[in-house]
Amino acid sequence: MSRAHVSLVRLPPGKESFAKHAHMLEEEWIYVLEGRASAEIGDQKYLVESGDFLGFAAPGPAHVMRNTFDAECVYLMGGEDRAIDVVSYPELEKRYLHMQTENGAEYYELGEPVKPFGKAE
């Protein structure tokens, strides 16, 4: 399999998984093995614990895992590894083109969408 990945994540108390983000093309999932965390999906917060599964369709709302508890949260995280994706970071007000290359992942910051050409006549 060349377009999928799975990682084991150990999220210490007081930490977050990554910057809150949303994918335009790649889908992700999380399966909690041990502990608890707060999953922020869009504007909603959910308590997740051992045995919970979260799936993030693309495109979808921004999401992040935050460990607001006293014990480590351990989970499997997986998803797609497409050649390109657009990833938005709403709390940072940033958006990037993410490309898989021979040298690894590369990110290119994107500005506001533009329409360089008018309507066809």
PDB file of N, CA and C in Angstrom:
ATOM      1  N   MET A   1       0.840  -1.177   0.000  1.00  0.00           N
ATOM      2  CA  MET A   1       0.000   0.000   0.000  1.00  0.00           C
ATOM      3  C   MET A   1       0.884   1.239   0.000  1.00  0.00           C
ATOM      4  N   SER A   2       0.665   2.110  -0.940  1.00  0.00           N
ATOM      5  CA  SER A   2       1.509   3.299  -1.049  1.00  0.00           C
ATOM      6  C   SER A   2       0.789   4.590  -0.680  1.00  0.00           C
ATOM      7  N   ARG A   3      -0.533   4.549  -0.455  1.00  0.00           N
ATOM      8  CA  ARG A   3      -1.269   5.779  -0.169  1.00  0.00           C
ATOM      9  C   ARG A   3      -1.935   5.773   1.207  1.00  0.00           C
ATOM     10  N   ALA A   4      -1.433   4.955   2.119  1.00  0.00           N
ATOM     11  CA  ALA A   4      -2.018   4.898   3.463  1.00  0.00           C
ATOM     12  C   ALA A   4      -0.910   4.861   4.501  1.00  0.00           C
ATOM     13  N   HIS A   5      -1.229   5.360   5.682  1.00  0.00           N
ATOM     14  CA  HIS A   5      -0.263   5.314   6.769  1.00  0.00           C
ATOM     15  C   HIS A   5      -0.982   5.115   8.093  1.00  0.00           C
ATOM     16  N   VAL A   6      -0.253   4.579   9.067  1.00  0.00           N
ATOM     17  CA  VAL A   6      -0.740   4.434  10.440  1.00  0.00           C
ATOM     18  C   VAL A   6       0.404   4.796  11.369  1.00  0.00           C
ATOM     19  N   SER A   7       0.094   5.595  12.388  1.00  0.00           N
ATOM     20  CA  SER A   7       1.091   5.991  13.382  1.00  0.00           C
ATOM     21  C   SER A   7       0.547   5.741  14.775  1.00  0.00           C
ATOM     22  N   LEU A   8       1.435   5.381  15.688  1.00  0.00           N
ATOM     23  CA  LEU A   8       1.092   5.270  17.101  1.00  0.00           C
ATOM     24  C   LEU A   8       1.473   6.593  17.751  1.00  0.00           C
ATOM     25  N   VAL A   9       0.503   7.245  18.392  1.00  0.00           N
ATOM     26  CA  VAL A   9       0.724   8.557  18.986  1.00  0.00           C
ATOM     27  C   VAL A   9       0.595   8.456  20.497  1.00  0.00           C
ATOM     28  N   ARG A  10       1.551   9.031  21.211  1.00  0.00           N
ATOM     29  CA  ARG A  10       1.501   9.143  22.669  1.00  0.00           C
ATOM     30  C   ARG A  10       1.408  10.627  22.987  1.00  0.00           C
ATOM     31  N   LEU A  11       0.218  11.042  23.404  1.00  0.00           N
ATOM     32  CA  LEU A  11      -0.048  12.457  23.647  1.00  0.00           C
ATOM     33  C   LEU A  11       0.025  12.726  25.149  1.00  0.00           C
ATOM     34  N   PRO A  12       1.102  13.410  25.601  1.00  0.00           N
ATOM     35  CA  PRO A  12       1.274  13.679  27.032  1.00  0.00           C
ATOM     36  C   PRO A  12       0.233  14.666  27.559  1.00  0.00           C
ATOM     37  N   PRO A  13       0.011  14.659  28.863  1.00  0.00           N
ATOM     38  CA  PRO A  13      -0.902  15.635  29.461  1.00  0.00           C
ATOM     39  C   PRO A  13      -0.484  17.060  29.107  1.00  0.00           C
ATOM     40  N   GLY A  14      -1.481  17.889  28.821  1.00  0.00           N
ATOM     41  CA  GLY A  14      -1.221  19.290  28.517  1.00  0.00           C
ATOM     42  C   GLY A  14      -0.762  19.583  27.101  1.00  0.00           C
ATOM     43  N   LYS A  15      -0.679  18.571  26.249  1.00  0.00           N
ATOM     44  CA  LYS A  15      -0.186  18.769  24.868  1.00  0.00           C
ATOM     45  C   LYS A  15      -1.319  18.596  23.867  1.00  0.00           C
ATOM     46  N   GLU A  16      -1.071  19.079  22.634  1.00  0.00           N
ATOM     47  CA  GLU A  16      -2.016  18.859  21.546  1.00  0.00           C
ATOM     48  C   GLU A  16      -1.330  18.075  20.444  1.00  0.00           C
ATOM     49  N   SER A  17      -2.130  17.388  19.631  1.00  0.00           N
ATOM     50  CA  SER A  17      -1.595  16.489  18.616  1.00  0.00           C
ATOM     51  C   SER A  17      -0.828  17.230  17.530  1.00  0.00           C
ATOM     52  N   PHE A  18      -1.347  18.355  17.110  1.00  0.00           N
ATOM     53  CA  PHE A  18      -0.796  19.112  15.991  1.00  0.00           C
ATOM     54  C   PHE A  18      -1.601  20.398  15.946  1.00  0.00           C
ATOM     55  N   ALA A  19      -1.243  21.330  15.117  1.00  0.00           N
ATOM     56  CA  ALA A  19      -2.070  22.527  14.960  1.00  0.00           C
ATOM     57  C   ALA A  19      -3.432  22.119  14.383  1.00  0.00           C
ATOM     58  N   LYS A  20      -4.494  22.780  14.823  1.00  0.00           N
ATOM     59  CA  LYS A  20      -5.829  22.475  14.318  1.00  0.00           C
ATOM     60  C   LYS A  20      -5.820  22.668  12.808  1.00  0.00           C
ATOM     61  N   HIS A  21      -6.264  21.629  12.071  1.00  0.00           N
ATOM     62  CA  HIS A  21      -6.137  21.651  10.620  1.00  0.00           C
ATOM     63  C   HIS A  21      -7.275  20.904   9.937  1.00  0.00           C
ATOM     64  N   ALA A  22      -7.434  21.166   8.656  1.00  0.00           N
ATOM     65  CA  ALA A  22      -8.415  20.477   7.817  1.00  0.00           C
ATOM     66  C   ALA A  22      -7.774  20.161   6.476  1.00  0.00           C
ATOM     67  N   HIS A  23      -8.105  18.994   5.941  1.00  0.00           N
ATOM     68  CA  HIS A  23      -7.580  18.563   4.645  1.00  0.00           C
ATOM     69  C   HIS A  23      -8.638  18.750   3.564  1.00  0.00           C
ATOM     70  N   MET A  24      -8.220  19.159   2.390  1.00  0.00           N
ATOM     71  CA  MET A  24      -9.118  19.272   1.253  1.00  0.00           C
ATOM     72  C   MET A  24      -9.300  17.912   0.567  1.00  0.00           C
ATOM     73  N   LEU A  25      -8.226  17.076   0.541  1.00  0.00           N
ATOM     74  CA  LEU A  25      -8.266  15.821  -0.216  1.00  0.00           C
ATOM     75  C   LEU A  25      -8.043  14.568   0.621  1.00  0.00           C
ATOM     76  N   GLU A  26      -7.198  14.630   1.613  1.00  0.00           N
ATOM     77  CA  GLU A  26      -6.842  13.426   2.377  1.00  0.00           C
ATOM     78  C   GLU A  26      -7.798  13.193   3.543  1.00  0.00           C
ATOM     79  N   GLU A  27      -8.226  11.940   3.699  1.00  0.00           N
ATOM     80  CA  GLU A  27      -9.054  11.569   4.837  1.00  0.00           C
ATOM     81  C   GLU A  27      -8.170  11.008   5.943  1.00  0.00           C
ATOM     82  N   GLU A  28      -8.593  11.228   7.197  1.00  0.00           N
ATOM     83  CA  GLU A  28      -7.840  10.766   8.365  1.00  0.00           C
ATOM     84  C   GLU A  28      -8.766  10.030   9.328  1.00  0.00           C
ATOM     85  N   TRP A  29      -8.173   9.264  10.230  1.00  0.00           N
ATOM     86  CA  TRP A  29      -8.936   8.617  11.293  1.00  0.00           C
ATOM     87  C   TRP A  29      -8.088   8.485  12.547  1.00  0.00           C
ATOM     88  N   ILE A  30      -8.754   8.318  13.687  1.00  0.00           N
ATOM     89  CA  ILE A  30      -8.094   8.134  14.987  1.00  0.00           C
ATOM     90  C   ILE A  30      -8.835   7.034  15.734  1.00  0.00           C
ATOM     91  N   TYR A  31      -8.079   6.122  16.359  1.00  0.00           N
ATOM     92  CA  TYR A  31      -8.659   5.104  17.234  1.00  0.00           C
ATOM     93  C   TYR A  31      -7.933   5.182  18.576  1.00  0.00           C
ATOM     94  N   VAL A  32      -8.664   5.519  19.636  1.00  0.00           N
ATOM     95  CA  VAL A  32      -8.064   5.722  20.957  1.00  0.00           C
ATOM     96  C   VAL A  32      -7.836   4.371  21.631  1.00  0.00           C
ATOM     97  N   LEU A  33      -6.591   4.124  22.046  1.00  0.00           N
ATOM     98  CA  LEU A  33      -6.219   2.879  22.716  1.00  0.00           C
ATOM     99  C   LEU A  33      -6.243   3.005  24.234  1.00  0.00           C
ATOM    100  N   GLU A  34      -5.698   4.100  24.768  1.00  0.00           N
ATOM    101  CA  GLU A  34      -5.608   4.312  26.220  1.00  0.00           C
ATOM    102  C   GLU A  34      -5.804   5.788  26.538  1.00  0.00           C
ATOM    103  N   GLY A  35      -6.355   6.057  27.704  1.00  0.00           N
ATOM    104  CA  GLY A  35      -6.469   7.427  28.188  1.00  0.00           C
ATOM    105  C   GLY A  35      -7.656   8.162  27.609  1.00  0.00           C
ATOM    106  N   ARG A  36      -7.642   9.481  27.822  1.00  0.00           N
ATOM    107  CA  ARG A  36      -8.714  10.356  27.356  1.00  0.00           C
ATOM    108  C   ARG A  36      -8.108  11.610  26.735  1.00  0.00           C
ATOM    109  N   ALA A  37      -8.914  12.280  25.917  1.00  0.00           N
ATOM    110  CA  ALA A  37      -8.502  13.550  25.321  1.00  0.00           C
ATOM    111  C   ALA A  37      -9.752  14.313  24.914  1.00  0.00           C
ATOM    112  N   SER A  38      -9.551  15.562  24.570  1.00  0.00           N
ATOM    113  CA  SER A  38     -10.616  16.392  24.016  1.00  0.00           C
ATOM    114  C   SER A  38     -10.373  16.477  22.517  1.00  0.00           C
ATOM    115  N   ALA A  39     -11.351  16.035  21.743  1.00  0.00           N
ATOM    116  CA  ALA A  39     -11.264  16.164  20.281  1.00  0.00           C
ATOM    117  C   ALA A  39     -12.047  17.403  19.891  1.00  0.00           C
ATOM    118  N   GLU A  40     -11.381  18.342  19.253  1.00  0.00           N
ATOM    119  CA  GLU A  40     -12.053  19.535  18.757  1.00  0.00           C
ATOM    120  C   GLU A  40     -12.251  19.352  17.259  1.00  0.00           C
ATOM    121  N   ILE A  41     -13.515  19.358  16.862  1.00  0.00           N
ATOM    122  CA  ILE A  41     -13.879  19.163  15.463  1.00  0.00           C
ATOM    123  C   ILE A  41     -14.773  20.333  15.078  1.00  0.00           C
ATOM    124  N   GLY A  42     -14.273  21.193  14.222  1.00  0.00           N
ATOM    125  CA  GLY A  42     -14.995  22.427  13.937  1.00  0.00           C
ATOM    126  C   GLY A  42     -15.078  23.247  15.210  1.00  0.00           C
ATOM    127  N   ASP A  43     -16.287  23.661  15.584  1.00  0.00           N
ATOM    128  CA  ASP A  43     -16.492  24.443  16.798  1.00  0.00           C
ATOM    129  C   ASP A  43     -16.936  23.592  17.984  1.00  0.00           C
ATOM    130  N   GLN A  44     -16.968  22.273  17.819  1.00  0.00           N
ATOM    131  CA  GLN A  44     -17.455  21.375  18.866  1.00  0.00           C
ATOM    132  C   GLN A  44     -16.298  20.679  19.581  1.00  0.00           C
ATOM    133  N   LYS A  45     -16.496  20.375  20.872  1.00  0.00           N
ATOM    134  CA  LYS A  45     -15.520  19.609  21.654  1.00  0.00           C
ATOM    135  C   LYS A  45     -16.176  18.321  22.119  1.00  0.00           C
ATOM    136  N   TYR A  46     -15.408  17.209  22.012  1.00  0.00           N
ATOM    137  CA  TYR A  46     -15.911  15.903  22.395  1.00  0.00           C
ATOM    138  C   TYR A  46     -14.896  15.219  23.296  1.00  0.00           C
ATOM    139  N   LEU A  47     -15.377  14.574  24.344  1.00  0.00           N
ATOM    140  CA  LEU A  47     -14.520  13.738  25.176  1.00  0.00           C
ATOM    141  C   LEU A  47     -14.353  12.413  24.448  1.00  0.00           C
ATOM    142  N   VAL A  48     -13.103  12.004  24.218  1.00  0.00           N
ATOM    143  CA  VAL A  48     -12.841  10.700  23.603  1.00  0.00           C
ATOM    144  C   VAL A  48     -11.991   9.886  24.558  1.00  0.00           C
ATOM    145  N   GLU A  49     -12.213   8.572  24.542  1.00  0.00           N
ATOM    146  CA  GLU A  49     -11.477   7.681  25.439  1.00  0.00           C
ATOM    147  C   GLU A  49     -11.297   6.332  24.777  1.00  0.00           C
ATOM    148  N   SER A  50     -10.632   5.428  25.467  1.00  0.00           N
ATOM    149  CA  SER A  50     -10.304   4.108  24.949  1.00  0.00           C
ATOM    150  C   SER A  50     -11.499   3.471  24.236  1.00  0.00           C
ATOM    151  N   GLY A  51     -11.250   3.021  22.997  1.00  0.00           N
ATOM    152  CA  GLY A  51     -12.285   2.373  22.202  1.00  0.00           C
ATOM    153  C   GLY A  51     -13.012   3.295  21.242  1.00  0.00           C
ATOM    154  N   ASP A  52     -12.803   4.613  21.353  1.00  0.00           N
ATOM    155  CA  ASP A  52     -13.488   5.553  20.462  1.00  0.00           C
ATOM    156  C   ASP A  52     -12.759   5.662  19.123  1.00  0.00           C
ATOM    157  N   PHE A  53     -13.543   5.786  18.066  1.00  0.00           N
ATOM    158  CA  PHE A  53     -13.036   5.938  16.706  1.00  0.00           C
ATOM    159  C   PHE A  53     -13.552   7.261  16.151  1.00  0.00           C
ATOM    160  N   LEU A  54     -12.671   8.014  15.515  1.00  0.00           N
ATOM    161  CA  LEU A  54     -13.051   9.270  14.871  1.00  0.00           C
ATOM    162  C   LEU A  54     -12.613   9.206  13.415  1.00  0.00           C
ATOM    163  N   GLY A  55     -13.483   9.574  12.517  1.00  0.00           N
ATOM    164  CA  GLY A  55     -13.155   9.612  11.098  1.00  0.00           C
ATOM    165  C   GLY A  55     -13.337  11.010  10.564  1.00  0.00           C
ATOM    166  N   PHE A  56     -12.380  11.476   9.774  1.00  0.00           N
ATOM    167  CA  PHE A  56     -12.412  12.816   9.215  1.00  0.00           C
ATOM    168  C   PHE A  56     -12.445  12.723   7.690  1.00  0.00           C
ATOM    169  N   ALA A  57     -13.648  12.902   7.133  1.00  0.00           N
ATOM    170  CA  ALA A  57     -13.806  12.887   5.679  1.00  0.00           C
ATOM    171  C   ALA A  57     -13.183  14.150   5.099  1.00  0.00           C
ATOM    172  N   ALA A  58     -12.889  14.094   3.810  1.00  0.00           N
ATOM    173  CA  ALA A  58     -12.310  15.265   3.147  1.00  0.00           C
ATOM    174  C   ALA A  58     -13.202  15.676   1.985  1.00  0.00           C
ATOM    175  N   PRO A  59     -13.455  16.955   1.814  1.00  0.00           N
ATOM    176  CA  PRO A  59     -13.083  18.014   2.752  1.00  0.00           C
ATOM    177  C   PRO A  59     -13.973  17.947   3.992  1.00  0.00           C
ATOM    178  N   GLY A  60     -13.441  18.436   5.087  1.00  0.00           N
ATOM    179  CA  GLY A  60     -14.180  18.401   6.333  1.00  0.00           C
ATOM    180  C   GLY A  60     -13.738  19.508   7.262  1.00  0.00           C
ATOM    181  N   PRO A  61     -14.330  19.532   8.458  1.00  0.00           N
ATOM    182  CA  PRO A  61     -13.983  20.589   9.415  1.00  0.00           C
ATOM    183  C   PRO A  61     -12.578  20.396   9.988  1.00  0.00           C
ATOM    184  N   ALA A  62     -12.021  21.488  10.467  1.00  0.00           N
ATOM    185  CA  ALA A  62     -10.708  21.429  11.118  1.00  0.00           C
ATOM    186  C   ALA A  62     -10.818  20.629  12.406  1.00  0.00           C
ATOM    187  N   HIS A  63      -9.718  19.952  12.768  1.00  0.00           N
ATOM    188  CA  HIS A  63      -9.733  19.090  13.946  1.00  0.00           C
ATOM    189  C   HIS A  63      -8.376  19.072  14.632  1.00  0.00           C
ATOM    190  N   VAL A  64      -8.406  18.745  15.935  1.00  0.00           N
ATOM    191  CA  VAL A  64      -7.199  18.612  16.746  1.00  0.00           C
ATOM    192  C   VAL A  64      -7.547  17.787  17.976  1.00  0.00           C
ATOM    193  N   MET A  65      -6.578  17.065  18.491  1.00  0.00           N
ATOM    194  CA  MET A  65      -6.716  16.347  19.760  1.00  0.00           C
ATOM    195  C   MET A  65      -5.924  17.115  20.805  1.00  0.00           C
ATOM    196  N   ARG A  66      -6.557  17.391  21.961  1.00  0.00           N
ATOM    197  CA  ARG A  66      -5.882  18.067  23.063  1.00  0.00           C
ATOM    198  C   ARG A  66      -6.025  17.211  24.304  1.00  0.00           C
ATOM    199  N   ASN A  67      -4.894  16.933  24.959  1.00  0.00           N
ATOM    200  CA  ASN A  67      -4.926  16.154  26.194  1.00  0.00           C
ATOM    201  C   ASN A  67      -5.012  17.114  27.375  1.00  0.00           C
ATOM    202  N   THR A  68      -6.211  17.270  27.888  1.00  0.00           N
ATOM    203  CA  THR A  68      -6.462  18.167  29.019  1.00  0.00           C
ATOM    204  C   THR A  68      -6.535  17.397  30.333  1.00  0.00           C
ATOM    205  N   PHE A  69      -6.040  16.160  30.329  1.00  0.00           N
ATOM    206  CA  PHE A  69      -6.129  15.280  31.495  1.00  0.00           C
ATOM    207  C   PHE A  69      -4.755  15.028  32.094  1.00  0.00           C
ATOM    208  N   ASP A  70      -4.702  14.282  33.187  1.00  0.00           N
ATOM    209  CA  ASP A  70      -3.456  14.035  33.924  1.00  0.00           C
ATOM    210  C   ASP A  70      -2.650  12.847  33.414  1.00  0.00           C
ATOM    211  N   ALA A  71      -3.238  12.008  32.562  1.00  0.00           N
ATOM    212  CA  ALA A  71      -2.550  10.813  32.072  1.00  0.00           C
ATOM    213  C   ALA A  71      -2.356  10.899  30.559  1.00  0.00           C
ATOM    214  N   GLU A  72      -1.374  10.182  30.070  1.00  0.00           N
ATOM    215  CA  GLU A  72      -1.090  10.115  28.637  1.00  0.00           C
ATOM    216  C   GLU A  72      -2.286   9.529  27.879  1.00  0.00           C
ATOM    217  N   CYS A  73      -2.528  10.016  26.677  1.00  0.00           N
ATOM    218  CA  CYS A  73      -3.531   9.452  25.772  1.00  0.00           C
ATOM    219  C   CYS A  73      -2.772   8.786  24.628  1.00  0.00           C
ATOM    220  N   VAL A  74      -3.090   7.525  24.361  1.00  0.00           N
ATOM    221  CA  VAL A  74      -2.405   6.767  23.317  1.00  0.00           C
ATOM    222  C   VAL A  74      -3.437   6.398  22.251  1.00  0.00           C
ATOM    223  N   TYR A  75      -3.102   6.692  20.987  1.00  0.00           N
ATOM    224  CA  TYR A  75      -4.043   6.364  19.923  1.00  0.00           C
ATOM    225  C   TYR A  75      -3.321   6.038  18.621  1.00  0.00           C
ATOM    226  N   LEU A  76      -4.032   5.337  17.764  1.00  0.00           N
ATOM    227  CA  LEU A  76      -3.577   5.096  16.400  1.00  0.00           C
ATOM    228  C   LEU A  76      -4.170   6.190  15.528  1.00  0.00           C
ATOM    229  N   MET A  77      -3.365   6.709  14.629  1.00  0.00           N
ATOM    230  CA  MET A  77      -3.815   7.728  13.693  1.00  0.00           C
ATOM    231  C   MET A  77      -3.412   7.268  12.299  1.00  0.00           C
ATOM    232  N   GLY A  78      -4.330   7.342  11.374  1.00  0.00           N
ATOM    233  CA  GLY A  78      -4.014   6.914  10.023  1.00  0.00           C
ATOM    234  C   GLY A  78      -4.782   7.705   8.998  1.00  0.00           C
ATOM    235  N   GLY A  79      -4.469   7.416   7.757  1.00  0.00           N
ATOM    236  CA  GLY A  79      -5.164   8.097   6.676  1.00  0.00           C
ATOM    237  C   GLY A  79      -4.449   7.904   5.371  1.00  0.00           C
ATOM    238  N   GLU A  80      -4.737   8.819   4.478  1.00  0.00           N
ATOM    239  CA  GLU A  80      -4.199   8.755   3.131  1.00  0.00           C
ATOM    240  C   GLU A  80      -2.913   9.564   3.009  1.00  0.00           C
ATOM    241  N   ASP A  81      -2.068   9.167   2.093  1.00  0.00           N
ATOM    242  CA  ASP A  81      -0.887   9.934   1.694  1.00  0.00           C
ATOM    243  C   ASP A  81      -1.003  10.167   0.194  1.00  0.00           C
ATOM    244  N   ARG A  82      -1.699  11.212  -0.174  1.00  0.00           N
ATOM    245  CA  ARG A  82      -1.853  11.543  -1.592  1.00  0.00           C
ATOM    246  C   ARG A  82      -0.652  12.347  -2.065  1.00  0.00           C
ATOM    247  N   ALA A  83      -0.464  12.390  -3.364  1.00  0.00           N
ATOM    248  CA  ALA A  83       0.661  13.150  -3.937  1.00  0.00           C
ATOM    249  C   ALA A  83       0.538  14.635  -3.612  1.00  0.00           C
ATOM    250  N   ILE A  84      -0.702  15.157  -3.594  1.00  0.00           N
ATOM    251  CA  ILE A  84      -0.917  16.554  -3.217  1.00  0.00           C
ATOM    252  C   ILE A  84      -2.146  16.664  -2.336  1.00  0.00           C
ATOM    253  N   ASP A  85      -2.176  17.696  -1.523  1.00  0.00           N
ATOM    254  CA  ASP A  85      -3.318  18.008  -0.674  1.00  0.00           C
ATOM    255  C   ASP A  85      -3.255  19.499  -0.371  1.00  0.00           C
ATOM    256  N   VAL A  86      -4.370  20.064   0.015  1.00  0.00           N
ATOM    257  CA  VAL A  86      -4.403  21.435   0.516  1.00  0.00           C
ATOM    258  C   VAL A  86      -4.824  21.336   1.971  1.00  0.00           C
ATOM    259  N   VAL A  87      -4.004  21.903   2.856  1.00  0.00           N
ATOM    260  CA  VAL A  87      -4.248  21.818   4.297  1.00  0.00           C
ATOM    261  C   VAL A  87      -4.454  23.228   4.837  1.00  0.00           C
ATOM    262  N   SER A  88      -5.573  23.425   5.541  1.00  0.00           N
ATOM    263  CA  SER A  88      -5.892  24.724   6.133  1.00  0.00           C
ATOM    264  C   SER A  88      -5.677  24.675   7.634  1.00  0.00           C
ATOM    265  N   TYR A  89      -5.148  25.762   8.179  1.00  0.00           N
ATOM    266  CA  TYR A  89      -4.925  25.924   9.618  1.00  0.00           C
ATOM    267  C   TYR A  89      -5.699  27.164  10.066  1.00  0.00           C
ATOM    268  N   PRO A  90      -6.983  27.010  10.433  1.00  0.00           N
ATOM    269  CA  PRO A  90      -7.813  28.193  10.702  1.00  0.00           C
ATOM    270  C   PRO A  90      -7.329  29.053  11.865  1.00  0.00           C
ATOM    271  N   GLU A  91      -6.787  28.450  12.920  1.00  0.00           N
ATOM    272  CA  GLU A  91      -6.313  29.236  14.058  1.00  0.00           C
ATOM    273  C   GLU A  91      -5.062  30.049  13.709  1.00  0.00           C
ATOM    274  N   LEU A  92      -4.317  29.607  12.702  1.00  0.00           N
ATOM    275  CA  LEU A  92      -3.121  30.312  12.248  1.00  0.00           C
ATOM    276  C   LEU A  92      -3.401  31.194  11.034  1.00  0.00           C
ATOM    277  N   GLU A  93      -4.623  31.064  10.501  1.00  0.00           N
ATOM    278  CA  GLU A  93      -5.019  31.778   9.288  1.00  0.00           C
ATOM    279  C   GLU A  93      -4.041  31.516   8.144  1.00  0.00           C
ATOM    280  N   LYS A  94      -3.707  30.227   7.953  1.00  0.00           N
ATOM    281  CA  LYS A  94      -2.765  29.812   6.908  1.00  0.00           C
ATOM    282  C   LYS A  94      -3.375  28.662   6.107  1.00  0.00           C
ATOM    283  N   ARG A  95      -2.905  28.521   4.876  1.00  0.00           N
ATOM    284  CA  ARG A  95      -3.313  27.432   3.995  1.00  0.00           C
ATOM    285  C   ARG A  95      -2.108  27.042   3.148  1.00  0.00           C
ATOM    286  N   TYR A  96      -1.888  25.725   3.007  1.00  0.00           N
ATOM    287  CA  TYR A  96      -0.695  25.243   2.300  1.00  0.00           C
ATOM    288  C   TYR A  96      -1.050  24.183   1.270  1.00  0.00           C
ATOM    289  N   LEU A  97      -0.306  24.186   0.188  1.00  0.00           N
ATOM    290  CA  LEU A  97      -0.290  23.075  -0.746  1.00  0.00           C
ATOM    291  C   LEU A  97       0.752  22.114  -0.199  1.00  0.00           C
ATOM    292  N   HIS A  98       0.367  20.874   0.030  1.00  0.00           N
ATOM    293  CA  HIS A  98       1.262  19.844   0.569  1.00  0.00           C
ATOM    294  C   HIS A  98       1.554  18.870  -0.557  1.00  0.00           C
ATOM    295  N   MET A  99       2.830  18.667  -0.871  1.00  0.00           N
ATOM    296  CA  MET A  99       3.234  17.775  -1.961  1.00  0.00           C
ATOM    297  C   MET A  99       4.202  16.712  -1.448  1.00  0.00           C
ATOM    298  N   GLN A 100       3.984  15.472  -1.871  1.00  0.00           N
ATOM    299  CA  GLN A 100       4.936  14.397  -1.598  1.00  0.00           C
ATOM    300  C   GLN A 100       5.931  14.379  -2.758  1.00  0.00           C
ATOM    301  N   THR A 101       7.221  14.488  -2.442  1.00  0.00           N
ATOM    302  CA  THR A 101       8.246  14.495  -3.478  1.00  0.00           C
ATOM    303  C   THR A 101       9.294  13.436  -3.160  1.00  0.00           C
ATOM    304  N   GLU A 102      10.254  13.274  -4.039  1.00  0.00           N
ATOM    305  CA  GLU A 102      11.354  12.335  -3.799  1.00  0.00           C
ATOM    306  C   GLU A 102      12.131  12.701  -2.540  1.00  0.00           C
ATOM    307  N   ASN A 103      12.117  13.979  -2.178  1.00  0.00           N
ATOM    308  CA  ASN A 103      12.845  14.462  -0.998  1.00  0.00           C
ATOM    309  C   ASN A 103      11.971  14.530   0.252  1.00  0.00           C
ATOM    310  N   GLY A 104      10.765  13.994   0.183  1.00  0.00           N
ATOM    311  CA  GLY A 104       9.850  14.040   1.318  1.00  0.00           C
ATOM    312  C   GLY A 104       8.768  15.078   1.106  1.00  0.00           C
ATOM    313  N   ALA A 105       8.065  15.407   2.175  1.00  0.00           N
ATOM    314  CA  ALA A 105       6.952  16.345   2.094  1.00  0.00           C
ATOM    315  C   ALA A 105       7.457  17.772   1.920  1.00  0.00           C
ATOM    316  N   GLU A 106       6.772  18.512   1.055  1.00  0.00           N
ATOM    317  CA  GLU A 106       7.060  19.933   0.855  1.00  0.00           C
ATOM    318  C   GLU A 106       5.762  20.703   1.020  1.00  0.00           C
ATOM    319  N   TYR A 107       5.860  21.889   1.625  1.00  0.00           N
ATOM    320  CA  TYR A 107       4.699  22.748   1.850  1.00  0.00           C
ATOM    321  C   TYR A 107       4.920  24.093   1.167  1.00  0.00           C
ATOM    322  N   TYR A 108       3.880  24.570   0.480  1.00  0.00           N
ATOM    323  CA  TYR A 108       3.919  25.862  -0.181  1.00  0.00           C
ATOM    324  C   TYR A 108       2.733  26.674   0.311  1.00  0.00           C
ATOM    325  N   GLU A 109       3.011  27.836   0.925  1.00  0.00           N
ATOM    326  CA  GLU A 109       1.932  28.654   1.458  1.00  0.00           C
ATOM    327  C   GLU A 109       1.085  29.217   0.320  1.00  0.00           C
ATOM    328  N   LEU A 110      -0.226  29.173   0.526  1.00  0.00           N
ATOM    329  CA  LEU A 110      -1.180  29.677  -0.456  1.00  0.00           C
ATOM    330  C   LEU A 110      -1.819  30.961   0.059  1.00  0.00           C
ATOM    331  N   GLY A 111      -2.079  31.865  -0.840  1.00  0.00           N
ATOM    332  CA  GLY A 111      -2.768  33.104  -0.483  1.00  0.00           C
ATOM    333  C   GLY A 111      -4.264  32.963  -0.704  1.00  0.00           C
ATOM    334  N   GLU A 112      -4.918  34.087  -0.804  1.00  0.00           N
ATOM    335  CA  GLU A 112      -6.352  34.091  -1.070  1.00  0.00           C
ATOM    336  C   GLU A 112      -6.614  33.554  -2.474  1.00  0.00           C
ATOM    337  N   PRO A 113      -7.720  32.841  -2.662  1.00  0.00           N
ATOM    338  CA  PRO A 113      -8.054  32.346  -4.000  1.00  0.00           C
ATOM    339  C   PRO A 113      -8.252  33.508  -4.973  1.00  0.00           C
ATOM    340  N   VAL A 114      -7.798  33.305  -6.194  1.00  0.00           N
ATOM    341  CA  VAL A 114      -7.966  34.324  -7.231  1.00  0.00           C
ATOM    342  C   VAL A 114      -8.567  33.666  -8.474  1.00  0.00           C
ATOM    343  N   LYS A 115      -9.181  34.473  -9.293  1.00  0.00           N
ATOM    344  CA  LYS A 115      -9.702  34.013 -10.576  1.00  0.00           C
ATOM    345  C   LYS A 115      -8.929  34.782 -11.642  1.00  0.00           C
ATOM    346  N   PRO A 116      -7.816  34.219 -12.144  1.00  0.00           N
ATOM    347  CA  PRO A 116      -6.946  34.967 -13.062  1.00  0.00           C
ATOM    348  C   PRO A 116      -7.562  35.240 -14.418  1.00  0.00           C
ATOM    349  N   PHE A 117      -8.614  34.500 -14.746  1.00  0.00           N
ATOM    350  CA  PHE A 117      -9.237  34.674 -16.057  1.00  0.00           C
ATOM    351  C   PHE A 117     -10.707  35.012 -15.863  1.00  0.00           C
ATOM    352  N   GLY A 118     -11.207  35.893 -16.688  1.00  0.00           N
ATOM    353  CA  GLY A 118     -12.627  36.226 -16.637  1.00  0.00           C
ATOM    354  C   GLY A 118     -13.434  35.099 -17.267  1.00  0.00           C
ATOM    355  N   LYS A 119     -14.714  35.322 -17.344  1.00  0.00           N
ATOM    356  CA  LYS A 119     -15.597  34.338 -17.982  1.00  0.00           C
ATOM    357  C   LYS A 119     -15.245  34.204 -19.457  1.00  0.00           C
ATOM    358  N   ALA A 120     -15.342  32.989 -19.944  1.00  0.00           N
ATOM    359  CA  ALA A 120     -15.104  32.758 -21.377  1.00  0.00           C
ATOM    360  C   ALA A 120     -16.216  33.411 -22.185  1.00  0.00           C
ATOM    361  N   GLU A 121     -15.863  33.970 -23.320  1.00  0.00           N
ATOM    362  CA  GLU A 121     -16.877  34.628 -24.166  1.00  0.00           C
ATOM    363  C   GLU A 121     -17.532  33.620 -25.064  1.00  0.00           C
TER     364      GLU A 121
END
